[in-house]
Amino acid sequence: MSRDKIPKLFAGSVDELTKPAKKEEKARREDLKKVKKQKTLYISLDTNLKLIELYGEEGRRQSNIVEDAVNLYYYLKKAIGERKFDELLSVVDRENPELLRSYMEKFRL
């Protein structure tokens, strides 16, 4: 018998054996958007004030604002690359909206 034909041992639980794998995997991926995870988020007082201000302006739940921020951070980093993203963060750290606007002009198409 060749190595390719040797069956592999199952490392999961009995529950995983009784459910179809495709449906279970799809349901698990869908649950990632719905399941609430309660974790403590340690942020600076300044960031907390900004979050409160955004919450007042947007009229949405703080968790939605944080989720949008995480999605923006994640996809922006993937889209422009790590080096450009680090440059952008250094401009953001200066907390100067005009400087940020002028920097963002480089990204217009």
PDB file of N, CA and C in Angstrom:
ATOM      1  N   MET A   1       0.833  -1.177   0.000  1.00  0.00           N
ATOM      2  CA  MET A   1       0.000   0.000   0.000  1.00  0.00           C
ATOM      3  C   MET A   1       0.884   1.248   0.000  1.00  0.00           C
ATOM      4  N   SER A   2       0.580   2.210  -0.863  1.00  0.00           N
ATOM      5  CA  SER A   2       1.381   3.425  -0.909  1.00  0.00           C
ATOM      6  C   SER A   2       0.984   4.360   0.221  1.00  0.00           C
ATOM      7  N   ARG A   3       1.858   5.310   0.510  1.00  0.00           N
ATOM      8  CA  ARG A   3       1.594   6.261   1.607  1.00  0.00           C
ATOM      9  C   ARG A   3       0.350   7.101   1.348  1.00  0.00           C
ATOM     10  N   ASP A   4       0.058   7.410   0.098  1.00  0.00           N
ATOM     11  CA  ASP A   4      -1.112   8.226  -0.243  1.00  0.00           C
ATOM     12  C   ASP A   4      -2.423   7.526   0.085  1.00  0.00           C
ATOM     13  N   LYS A   5      -2.435   6.209   0.074  1.00  0.00           N
ATOM     14  CA  LYS A   5      -3.658   5.450   0.288  1.00  0.00           C
ATOM     15  C   LYS A   5      -3.872   5.048   1.740  1.00  0.00           C
ATOM     16  N   ILE A   6      -2.925   5.342   2.612  1.00  0.00           N
ATOM     17  CA  ILE A   6      -3.076   4.999   4.026  1.00  0.00           C
ATOM     18  C   ILE A   6      -4.084   5.963   4.648  1.00  0.00           C
ATOM     19  N   PRO A   7      -5.158   5.436   5.254  1.00  0.00           N
ATOM     20  CA  PRO A   7      -6.159   6.327   5.852  1.00  0.00           C
ATOM     21  C   PRO A   7      -5.593   7.068   7.057  1.00  0.00           C
ATOM     22  N   LYS A   8      -6.013   8.312   7.220  1.00  0.00           N
ATOM     23  CA  LYS A   8      -5.551   9.109   8.345  1.00  0.00           C
ATOM     24  C   LYS A   8      -6.517   8.953   9.502  1.00  0.00           C
ATOM     25  N   LEU A   9      -5.990   8.976  10.706  1.00  0.00           N
ATOM     26  CA  LEU A   9      -6.824   8.861  11.890  1.00  0.00           C
ATOM     27  C   LEU A   9      -7.564  10.162  12.142  1.00  0.00           C
ATOM     28  N   PHE A  10      -8.776  10.045  12.648  1.00  0.00           N
ATOM     29  CA  PHE A  10      -9.600  11.206  12.947  1.00  0.00           C
ATOM     30  C   PHE A  10      -9.207  11.762  14.307  1.00  0.00           C
ATOM     31  N   ALA A  11      -8.982  13.071  14.372  1.00  0.00           N
ATOM     32  CA  ALA A  11      -8.531  13.690  15.611  1.00  0.00           C
ATOM     33  C   ALA A  11      -9.634  14.495  16.291  1.00  0.00           C
ATOM     34  N   GLY A  12     -10.858  14.510  15.754  1.00  0.00           N
ATOM     35  CA  GLY A  12     -11.939  15.326  16.298  1.00  0.00           C
ATOM     36  C   GLY A  12     -12.787  14.588  17.313  1.00  0.00           C
ATOM     37  N   SER A  13     -13.955  15.146  17.605  1.00  0.00           N
ATOM     38  CA  SER A  13     -14.862  14.557  18.588  1.00  0.00           C
ATOM     39  C   SER A  13     -15.929  13.711  17.904  1.00  0.00           C
ATOM     40  N   VAL A  14     -16.702  12.979  18.694  1.00  0.00           N
ATOM     41  CA  VAL A  14     -17.775  12.146  18.175  1.00  0.00           C
ATOM     42  C   VAL A  14     -18.851  13.018  17.526  1.00  0.00           C
ATOM     43  N   ASP A  15     -19.102  14.209  18.087  1.00  0.00           N
ATOM     44  CA  ASP A  15     -20.093  15.122  17.518  1.00  0.00           C
ATOM     45  C   ASP A  15     -19.723  15.525  16.102  1.00  0.00           C
ATOM     46  N   GLU A  16     -18.453  15.713  15.838  1.00  0.00           N
ATOM     47  CA  GLU A  16     -18.009  16.100  14.501  1.00  0.00           C
ATOM     48  C   GLU A  16     -18.229  14.970  13.502  1.00  0.00           C
ATOM     49  N   LEU A  17     -18.160  13.738  13.993  1.00  0.00           N
ATOM     50  CA  LEU A  17     -18.364  12.590  13.115  1.00  0.00           C
ATOM     51  C   LEU A  17     -19.824  12.450  12.702  1.00  0.00           C
ATOM     52  N   THR A  18     -20.745  12.883  13.534  1.00  0.00           N
ATOM     53  CA  THR A  18     -22.171  12.682  13.263  1.00  0.00           C
ATOM     54  C   THR A  18     -22.791  13.770  12.391  1.00  0.00           C
ATOM     55  N   LYS A  19     -22.061  14.860  12.129  1.00  0.00           N
ATOM     56  CA  LYS A  19     -22.590  15.959  11.322  1.00  0.00           C
ATOM     57  C   LYS A  19     -21.821  16.064  10.014  1.00  0.00           C
ATOM     58  N   PRO A  20     -22.507  16.442   8.945  1.00  0.00           N
ATOM     59  CA  PRO A  20     -21.788  16.644   7.675  1.00  0.00           C
ATOM     60  C   PRO A  20     -20.794  17.799   7.797  1.00  0.00           C
ATOM     61  N   ALA A  21     -19.614  17.605   7.310  1.00  0.00           N
ATOM     62  CA  ALA A  21     -18.537  18.580   7.465  1.00  0.00           C
ATOM     63  C   ALA A  21     -18.824  19.890   6.738  1.00  0.00           C
ATOM     64  N   LYS A  22     -19.391  19.843   5.544  1.00  0.00           N
ATOM     65  CA  LYS A  22     -19.601  21.060   4.766  1.00  0.00           C
ATOM     66  C   LYS A  22     -20.589  21.992   5.453  1.00  0.00           C
ATOM     67  N   LYS A  23     -21.698  21.471   5.913  1.00  0.00           N
ATOM     68  CA  LYS A  23     -22.700  22.305   6.573  1.00  0.00           C
ATOM     69  C   LYS A  23     -22.151  22.870   7.874  1.00  0.00           C
ATOM     70  N   GLU A  24     -21.423  22.067   8.593  1.00  0.00           N
ATOM     71  CA  GLU A  24     -20.861  22.512   9.873  1.00  0.00           C
ATOM     72  C   GLU A  24     -19.871  23.640   9.656  1.00  0.00           C
ATOM     73  N   GLU A  25     -19.019  23.508   8.662  1.00  0.00           N
ATOM     74  CA  GLU A  25     -18.022  24.538   8.375  1.00  0.00           C
ATOM     75  C   GLU A  25     -18.702  25.830   7.938  1.00  0.00           C
ATOM     76  N   LYS A  26     -19.718  25.728   7.101  1.00  0.00           N
ATOM     77  CA  LYS A  26     -20.443  26.907   6.636  1.00  0.00           C
ATOM     78  C   LYS A  26     -21.135  27.598   7.804  1.00  0.00           C
ATOM     79  N   ALA A  27     -21.775  26.842   8.663  1.00  0.00           N
ATOM     80  CA  ALA A  27     -22.462  27.408   9.823  1.00  0.00           C
ATOM     81  C   ALA A  27     -21.466  28.085  10.761  1.00  0.00           C
ATOM     82  N   ARG A  28     -20.303  27.493  10.935  1.00  0.00           N
ATOM     83  CA  ARG A  28     -19.290  28.066  11.818  1.00  0.00           C
ATOM     84  C   ARG A  28     -18.812  29.407  11.281  1.00  0.00           C
ATOM     85  N   ARG A  29     -18.617  29.489   9.965  1.00  0.00           N
ATOM     86  CA  ARG A  29     -18.195  30.753   9.359  1.00  0.00           C
ATOM     87  C   ARG A  29     -19.279  31.817   9.491  1.00  0.00           C
ATOM     88  N   GLU A  30     -20.542  31.433   9.331  1.00  0.00           N
ATOM     89  CA  GLU A  30     -21.646  32.383   9.487  1.00  0.00           C
ATOM     90  C   GLU A  30     -21.753  32.867  10.925  1.00  0.00           C
ATOM     91  N   ASP A  31     -21.470  31.985  11.868  1.00  0.00           N
ATOM     92  CA  ASP A  31     -21.557  32.347  13.281  1.00  0.00           C
ATOM     93  C   ASP A  31     -20.512  33.374  13.680  1.00  0.00           C
ATOM     94  N   LEU A  32     -19.408  33.450  12.964  1.00  0.00           N
ATOM     95  CA  LEU A  32     -18.371  34.421  13.295  1.00  0.00           C
ATOM     96  C   LEU A  32     -18.912  35.842  13.229  1.00  0.00           C
ATOM     97  N   LYS A  33     -19.894  36.087  12.372  1.00  0.00           N
ATOM     98  CA  LYS A  33     -20.474  37.419  12.252  1.00  0.00           C
ATOM     99  C   LYS A  33     -21.540  37.674  13.313  1.00  0.00           C
ATOM    100  N   LYS A  34     -22.104  36.609  13.909  1.00  0.00           N
ATOM    101  CA  LYS A  34     -23.244  36.767  14.798  1.00  0.00           C
ATOM    102  C   LYS A  34     -22.916  36.598  16.277  1.00  0.00           C
ATOM    103  N   VAL A  35     -21.935  35.771  16.595  1.00  0.00           N
ATOM    104  CA  VAL A  35     -21.650  35.461  17.989  1.00  0.00           C
ATOM    105  C   VAL A  35     -20.972  36.644  18.663  1.00  0.00           C
ATOM    106  N   LYS A  36     -21.501  37.039  19.797  1.00  0.00           N
ATOM    107  CA  LYS A  36     -20.937  38.157  20.542  1.00  0.00           C
ATOM    108  C   LYS A  36     -19.832  37.620  21.449  1.00  0.00           C
ATOM    109  N   LYS A  37     -18.689  38.215  21.355  1.00  0.00           N
ATOM    110  CA  LYS A  37     -17.570  37.847  22.218  1.00  0.00           C
ATOM    111  C   LYS A  37     -17.365  38.966  23.213  1.00  0.00           C
ATOM    112  N   GLN A  38     -17.384  38.652  24.470  1.00  0.00           N
ATOM    113  CA  GLN A  38     -17.184  39.674  25.482  1.00  0.00           C
ATOM    114  C   GLN A  38     -15.756  39.582  25.988  1.00  0.00           C
ATOM    115  N   LYS A  39     -15.005  40.560  25.623  1.00  0.00           N
ATOM    116  CA  LYS A  39     -13.618  40.657  26.062  1.00  0.00           C
ATOM    117  C   LYS A  39     -13.403  42.073  26.557  1.00  0.00           C
ATOM    118  N   THR A  40     -12.448  42.234  27.423  1.00  0.00           N
ATOM    119  CA  THR A  40     -12.128  43.569  27.906  1.00  0.00           C
ATOM    120  C   THR A  40     -11.216  44.226  26.896  1.00  0.00           C
ATOM    121  N   LEU A  41     -11.586  45.434  26.517  1.00  0.00           N
ATOM    122  CA  LEU A  41     -10.803  46.196  25.552  1.00  0.00           C
ATOM    123  C   LEU A  41     -10.103  47.313  26.307  1.00  0.00           C
ATOM    124  N   TYR A  42      -8.789  47.226  26.403  1.00  0.00           N
ATOM    125  CA  TYR A  42      -8.018  48.255  27.102  1.00  0.00           C
ATOM    126  C   TYR A  42      -7.618  49.326  26.101  1.00  0.00           C
ATOM    127  N   ILE A  43      -8.129  50.543  26.308  1.00  0.00           N
ATOM    128  CA  ILE A  43      -7.809  51.656  25.428  1.00  0.00           C
ATOM    129  C   ILE A  43      -7.432  52.862  26.284  1.00  0.00           C
ATOM    130  N   SER A  44      -6.746  53.810  25.663  1.00  0.00           N
ATOM    131  CA  SER A  44      -6.351  55.014  26.396  1.00  0.00           C
ATOM    132  C   SER A  44      -7.580  55.886  26.656  1.00  0.00           C
ATOM    133  N   LEU A  45      -7.449  56.802  27.595  1.00  0.00           N
ATOM    134  CA  LEU A  45      -8.548  57.717  27.897  1.00  0.00           C
ATOM    135  C   LEU A  45      -8.873  58.582  26.684  1.00  0.00           C
ATOM    136  N   ASP A  46      -7.840  58.991  25.940  1.00  0.00           N
ATOM    137  CA  ASP A  46      -8.040  59.801  24.742  1.00  0.00           C
ATOM    138  C   ASP A  46      -8.855  59.022  23.706  1.00  0.00           C
ATOM    139  N   THR A  47      -8.514  57.765  23.504  1.00  0.00           N
ATOM    140  CA  THR A  47      -9.248  56.935  22.554  1.00  0.00           C
ATOM    141  C   THR A  47     -10.677  56.732  23.035  1.00  0.00           C
ATOM    142  N   ASN A  48     -10.862  56.588  24.333  1.00  0.00           N
ATOM    143  CA  ASN A  48     -12.203  56.429  24.882  1.00  0.00           C
ATOM    144  C   ASN A  48     -13.041  57.680  24.610  1.00  0.00           C
ATOM    145  N   LEU A  49     -12.442  58.867  24.758  1.00  0.00           N
ATOM    146  CA  LEU A  49     -13.170  60.106  24.468  1.00  0.00           C
ATOM    147  C   LEU A  49     -13.552  60.185  22.989  1.00  0.00           C
ATOM    148  N   LYS A  50     -12.635  59.753  22.121  1.00  0.00           N
ATOM    149  CA  LYS A  50     -12.934  59.754  20.684  1.00  0.00           C
ATOM    150  C   LYS A  50     -14.069  58.779  20.381  1.00  0.00           C
ATOM    151  N   LEU A  51     -14.053  57.635  21.039  1.00  0.00           N
ATOM    152  CA  LEU A  51     -15.106  56.645  20.851  1.00  0.00           C
ATOM    153  C   LEU A  51     -16.455  57.189  21.317  1.00  0.00           C
ATOM    154  N   ILE A  52     -16.465  57.876  22.437  1.00  0.00           N
ATOM    155  CA  ILE A  52     -17.706  58.477  22.945  1.00  0.00           C
ATOM    156  C   ILE A  52     -18.214  59.539  21.977  1.00  0.00           C
ATOM    157  N   GLU A  53     -17.298  60.343  21.437  1.00  0.00           N
ATOM    158  CA  GLU A  53     -17.693  61.370  20.469  1.00  0.00           C
ATOM    159  C   GLU A  53     -18.295  60.736  19.216  1.00  0.00           C
ATOM    160  N   LEU A  54     -17.645  59.683  18.718  1.00  0.00           N
ATOM    161  CA  LEU A  54     -18.176  58.978  17.550  1.00  0.00           C
ATOM    162  C   LEU A  54     -19.531  58.355  17.850  1.00  0.00           C
ATOM    163  N   TYR A  55     -19.665  57.819  19.033  1.00  0.00           N
ATOM    164  CA  TYR A  55     -20.923  57.201  19.432  1.00  0.00           C
ATOM    165  C   TYR A  55     -22.044  58.239  19.420  1.00  0.00           C
ATOM    166  N   GLY A  56     -21.747  59.439  19.902  1.00  0.00           N
ATOM    167  CA  GLY A  56     -22.732  60.513  19.900  1.00  0.00           C
ATOM    168  C   GLY A  56     -23.089  60.961  18.496  1.00  0.00           C
ATOM    169  N   GLU A  57     -22.102  61.050  17.610  1.00  0.00           N
ATOM    170  CA  GLU A  57     -22.338  61.503  16.235  1.00  0.00           C
ATOM    171  C   GLU A  57     -23.057  60.442  15.404  1.00  0.00           C
ATOM    172  N   GLU A  58     -22.620  59.207  15.543  1.00  0.00           N
ATOM    173  CA  GLU A  58     -23.146  58.127  14.711  1.00  0.00           C
ATOM    174  C   GLU A  58     -24.492  57.606  15.218  1.00  0.00           C
ATOM    175  N   GLY A  59     -24.721  57.679  16.527  1.00  0.00           N
ATOM    176  CA  GLY A  59     -25.959  57.157  17.087  1.00  0.00           C
ATOM    177  C   GLY A  59     -26.045  55.643  16.996  1.00  0.00           C
ATOM    178  N   ARG A  60     -24.887  54.997  16.945  1.00  0.00           N
ATOM    179  CA  ARG A  60     -24.853  53.527  16.871  1.00  0.00           C
ATOM    180  C   ARG A  60     -24.230  52.973  18.135  1.00  0.00           C
ATOM    181  N   ARG A  61     -24.308  51.680  18.259  1.00  0.00           N
ATOM    182  CA  ARG A  61     -23.674  51.029  19.400  1.00  0.00           C
ATOM    183  C   ARG A  61     -22.159  51.112  19.278  1.00  0.00           C
ATOM    184  N   GLN A  62     -21.499  51.228  20.408  1.00  0.00           N
ATOM    185  CA  GLN A  62     -20.033  51.331  20.393  1.00  0.00           C
ATOM    186  C   GLN A  62     -19.407  50.094  19.771  1.00  0.00           C
ATOM    187  N   SER A  63     -20.015  48.935  19.983  1.00  0.00           N
ATOM    188  CA  SER A  63     -19.443  47.713  19.420  1.00  0.00           C
ATOM    189  C   SER A  63     -19.441  47.768  17.892  1.00  0.00           C
ATOM    190  N   ASN A  64     -20.475  48.384  17.289  1.00  0.00           N
ATOM    191  CA  ASN A  64     -20.504  48.526  15.828  1.00  0.00           C
ATOM    192  C   ASN A  64     -19.395  49.444  15.346  1.00  0.00           C
ATOM    193  N   ILE A  65     -19.153  50.518  16.085  1.00  0.00           N
ATOM    194  CA  ILE A  65     -18.097  51.456  15.714  1.00  0.00           C
ATOM    195  C   ILE A  65     -16.730  50.774  15.801  1.00  0.00           C
ATOM    196  N   VAL A  66     -16.514  50.027  16.866  1.00  0.00           N
ATOM    197  CA  VAL A  66     -15.243  49.315  17.032  1.00  0.00           C
ATOM    198  C   VAL A  66     -15.084  48.272  15.932  1.00  0.00           C
ATOM    199  N   GLU A  67     -16.164  47.565  15.604  1.00  0.00           N
ATOM    200  CA  GLU A  67     -16.093  46.562  14.549  1.00  0.00           C
ATOM    201  C   GLU A  67     -15.759  47.205  13.202  1.00  0.00           C
ATOM    202  N   ASP A  68     -16.373  48.354  12.900  1.00  0.00           N
ATOM    203  CA  ASP A  68     -16.048  49.076  11.663  1.00  0.00           C
ATOM    204  C   ASP A  68     -14.593  49.503  11.648  1.00  0.00           C
ATOM    205  N   ALA A  69     -14.098  49.969  12.792  1.00  0.00           N
ATOM    206  CA  ALA A  69     -12.707  50.405  12.884  1.00  0.00           C
ATOM    207  C   ALA A  69     -11.754  49.237  12.645  1.00  0.00           C
ATOM    208  N   VAL A  70     -12.057  48.089  13.216  1.00  0.00           N
ATOM    209  CA  VAL A  70     -11.207  46.909  13.027  1.00  0.00           C
ATOM    210  C   VAL A  70     -11.230  46.481  11.565  1.00  0.00           C
ATOM    211  N   ASN A  71     -12.407  46.468  10.952  1.00  0.00           N
ATOM    212  CA  ASN A  71     -12.500  46.108   9.531  1.00  0.00           C
ATOM    213  C   ASN A  71     -11.727  47.088   8.657  1.00  0.00           C
ATOM    214  N   LEU A  72     -11.858  48.381   8.952  1.00  0.00           N
ATOM    215  CA  LEU A  72     -11.120  49.397   8.191  1.00  0.00           C
ATOM    216  C   LEU A  72      -9.618  49.190   8.333  1.00  0.00           C
ATOM    217  N   TYR A  73      -9.154  48.995   9.549  1.00  0.00           N
ATOM    218  CA  TYR A  73      -7.731  48.772   9.824  1.00  0.00           C
ATOM    219  C   TYR A  73      -7.236  47.547   9.057  1.00  0.00           C
ATOM    220  N   TYR A  74      -7.977  46.454   9.163  1.00  0.00           N
ATOM    221  CA  TYR A  74      -7.569  45.179   8.561  1.00  0.00           C
ATOM    222  C   TYR A  74      -7.487  45.273   7.038  1.00  0.00           C
ATOM    223  N   TYR A  75      -8.557  45.775   6.403  1.00  0.00           N
ATOM    224  CA  TYR A  75      -8.584  45.794   4.943  1.00  0.00           C
ATOM    225  C   TYR A  75      -7.708  46.887   4.356  1.00  0.00           C
ATOM    226  N   LEU A  76      -7.556  47.990   5.061  1.00  0.00           N
ATOM    227  CA  LEU A  76      -6.660  49.041   4.596  1.00  0.00           C
ATOM    228  C   LEU A  76      -5.217  48.544   4.610  1.00  0.00           C
ATOM    229  N   LYS A  77      -4.865  47.820   5.657  1.00  0.00           N
ATOM    230  CA  LYS A  77      -3.509  47.274   5.744  1.00  0.00           C
ATOM    231  C   LYS A  77      -3.256  46.273   4.619  1.00  0.00           C
ATOM    232  N   LYS A  78      -4.250  45.450   4.310  1.00  0.00           N
ATOM    233  CA  LYS A  78      -4.106  44.488   3.212  1.00  0.00           C
ATOM    234  C   LYS A  78      -4.048  45.199   1.857  1.00  0.00           C
ATOM    235  N   ALA A  79      -4.817  46.277   1.702  1.00  0.00           N
ATOM    236  CA  ALA A  79      -4.922  46.946   0.411  1.00  0.00           C
ATOM    237  C   ALA A  79      -3.679  47.754   0.059  1.00  0.00           C
ATOM    238  N   ILE A  80      -3.116  48.488   1.016  1.00  0.00           N
ATOM    239  CA  ILE A  80      -1.999  49.374   0.668  1.00  0.00           C
ATOM    240  C   ILE A  80      -0.636  48.815   1.051  1.00  0.00           C
ATOM    241  N   GLY A  81      -0.597  47.706   1.746  1.00  0.00           N
ATOM    242  CA  GLY A  81       0.670  47.098   2.118  1.00  0.00           C
ATOM    243  C   GLY A  81       1.178  47.620   3.448  1.00  0.00           C
ATOM    244  N   GLU A  82       2.046  46.855   4.044  1.00  0.00           N
ATOM    245  CA  GLU A  82       2.501  47.160   5.408  1.00  0.00           C
ATOM    246  C   GLU A  82       3.307  48.458   5.492  1.00  0.00           C
ATOM    247  N   ARG A  83       4.205  48.694   4.539  1.00  0.00           N
ATOM    248  CA  ARG A  83       5.044  49.892   4.599  1.00  0.00           C
ATOM    249  C   ARG A  83       4.203  51.163   4.477  1.00  0.00           C
ATOM    250  N   LYS A  84       3.322  51.211   3.481  1.00  0.00           N
ATOM    251  CA  LYS A  84       2.458  52.374   3.298  1.00  0.00           C
ATOM    252  C   LYS A  84       1.504  52.539   4.481  1.00  0.00           C
ATOM    253  N   PHE A  85       1.050  51.406   5.030  1.00  0.00           N
ATOM    254  CA  PHE A  85       0.140  51.467   6.171  1.00  0.00           C
ATOM    255  C   PHE A  85       0.844  52.067   7.382  1.00  0.00           C
ATOM    256  N   ASP A  86       2.105  51.683   7.605  1.00  0.00           N
ATOM    257  CA  ASP A  86       2.869  52.261   8.715  1.00  0.00           C
ATOM    258  C   ASP A  86       3.069  53.757   8.529  1.00  0.00           C
ATOM    259  N   GLU A  87       3.305  54.186   7.273  1.00  0.00           N
ATOM    260  CA  GLU A  87       3.414  55.620   6.981  1.00  0.00           C
ATOM    261  C   GLU A  87       2.109  56.335   7.330  1.00  0.00           C
ATOM    262  N   LEU A  88       1.006  55.740   6.919  1.00  0.00           N
ATOM    263  CA  LEU A  88      -0.306  56.323   7.191  1.00  0.00           C
ATOM    264  C   LEU A  88      -0.552  56.442   8.690  1.00  0.00           C
ATOM    265  N   LEU A  89      -0.203  55.413   9.444  1.00  0.00           N
ATOM    266  CA  LEU A  89      -0.387  55.463  10.900  1.00  0.00           C
ATOM    267  C   LEU A  89       0.480  56.540  11.539  1.00  0.00           C
ATOM    268  N   SER A  90       1.671  56.757  11.001  1.00  0.00           N
ATOM    269  CA  SER A  90       2.520  57.814  11.560  1.00  0.00           C
ATOM    270  C   SER A  90       1.900  59.193  11.325  1.00  0.00           C
ATOM    271  N   VAL A  91       1.221  59.359  10.190  1.00  0.00           N
ATOM    272  CA  VAL A  91       0.521  60.622   9.930  1.00  0.00           C
ATOM    273  C   VAL A  91      -0.690  60.741  10.851  1.00  0.00           C
ATOM    274  N   VAL A  92      -1.411  59.658  11.045  1.00  0.00           N
ATOM    275  CA  VAL A  92      -2.584  59.663  11.926  1.00  0.00           C
ATOM    276  C   VAL A  92      -2.171  59.973  13.364  1.00  0.00           C
ATOM    277  N   ASP A  93      -1.026  59.449  13.791  1.00  0.00           N
ATOM    278  CA  ASP A  93      -0.554  59.680  15.165  1.00  0.00           C
ATOM    279  C   ASP A  93      -0.305  61.158  15.455  1.00  0.00           C
ATOM    280  N   ARG A  94      -0.073  61.949  14.422  1.00  0.00           N
ATOM    281  CA  ARG A  94       0.158  63.392  14.628  1.00  0.00           C
ATOM    282  C   ARG A  94      -1.136  64.135  14.953  1.00  0.00           C
ATOM    283  N   GLU A  95      -2.273  63.474  14.749  1.00  0.00           N
ATOM    284  CA  GLU A  95      -3.593  64.014  15.073  1.00  0.00           C
ATOM    285  C   GLU A  95      -3.844  65.374  14.432  1.00  0.00           C
ATOM    286  N   ASN A  96      -3.497  65.471  13.165  1.00  0.00           N
ATOM    287  CA  ASN A  96      -3.692  66.698  12.403  1.00  0.00           C
ATOM    288  C   ASN A  96      -4.534  66.362  11.173  1.00  0.00           C
ATOM    289  N   PRO A  97      -5.840  66.694  11.194  1.00  0.00           N
ATOM    290  CA  PRO A  97      -6.717  66.332  10.071  1.00  0.00           C
ATOM    291  C   PRO A  97      -6.265  66.915   8.731  1.00  0.00           C
ATOM    292  N   GLU A  98      -5.731  68.125   8.724  1.00  0.00           N
ATOM    293  CA  GLU A  98      -5.276  68.739   7.464  1.00  0.00           C
ATOM    294  C   GLU A  98      -4.095  67.975   6.874  1.00  0.00           C
ATOM    295  N   LEU A  99      -3.145  67.600   7.708  1.00  0.00           N
ATOM    296  CA  LEU A  99      -1.996  66.814   7.250  1.00  0.00           C
ATOM    297  C   LEU A  99      -2.464  65.469   6.712  1.00  0.00           C
ATOM    298  N   LEU A 100      -3.419  64.863   7.395  1.00  0.00           N
ATOM    299  CA  LEU A 100      -3.960  63.578   6.947  1.00  0.00           C
ATOM    300  C   LEU A 100      -4.670  63.727   5.599  1.00  0.00           C
ATOM    301  N   ARG A 101      -5.431  64.793   5.424  1.00  0.00           N
ATOM    302  CA  ARG A 101      -6.101  65.041   4.142  1.00  0.00           C
ATOM    303  C   ARG A 101      -5.089  65.158   3.008  1.00  0.00           C
ATOM    304  N   SER A 102      -4.032  65.927   3.239  1.00  0.00           N
ATOM    305  CA  SER A 102      -3.027  66.094   2.198  1.00  0.00           C
ATOM    306  C   SER A 102      -2.306  64.774   1.906  1.00  0.00           C
ATOM    307  N   TYR A 103      -2.089  63.967   2.936  1.00  0.00           N
ATOM    308  CA  TYR A 103      -1.449  62.663   2.724  1.00  0.00           C
ATOM    309  C   TYR A 103      -2.378  61.731   1.929  1.00  0.00           C
ATOM    310  N   MET A 104      -3.670  61.779   2.253  1.00  0.00           N
ATOM    311  CA  MET A 104      -4.638  60.909   1.584  1.00  0.00           C
ATOM    312  C   MET A 104      -4.845  61.291   0.121  1.00  0.00           C
ATOM    313  N   GLU A 105      -4.507  62.534  -0.244  1.00  0.00           N
ATOM    314  CA  GLU A 105      -4.607  62.957  -1.635  1.00  0.00           C
ATOM    315  C   GLU A 105      -3.752  62.070  -2.541  1.00  0.00           C
ATOM    316  N   LYS A 106      -2.670  61.517  -2.008  1.00  0.00           N
ATOM    317  CA  LYS A 106      -1.797  60.642  -2.799  1.00  0.00           C
ATOM    318  C   LYS A 106      -2.531  59.386  -3.278  1.00  0.00           C
ATOM    319  N   PHE A 107      -3.572  58.980  -2.546  1.00  0.00           N
ATOM    320  CA  PHE A 107      -4.267  57.738  -2.859  1.00  0.00           C
ATOM    321  C   PHE A 107      -5.419  57.921  -3.834  1.00  0.00           C
ATOM    322  N   ARG A 108      -5.734  59.156  -4.202  1.00  0.00           N
ATOM    323  CA  ARG A 108      -6.823  59.380  -5.167  1.00  0.00           C
ATOM    324  C   ARG A 108      -6.438  58.884  -6.532  1.00  0.00           C
ATOM    325  N   LEU A 109      -7.406  58.340  -7.208  1.00  0.00           N
ATOM    326  CA  LEU A 109      -7.147  57.816  -8.563  1.00  0.00           C
ATOM    327  C   LEU A 109      -7.608  58.780  -9.619  1.00  0.00           C
TER     328      LEU A 109
END
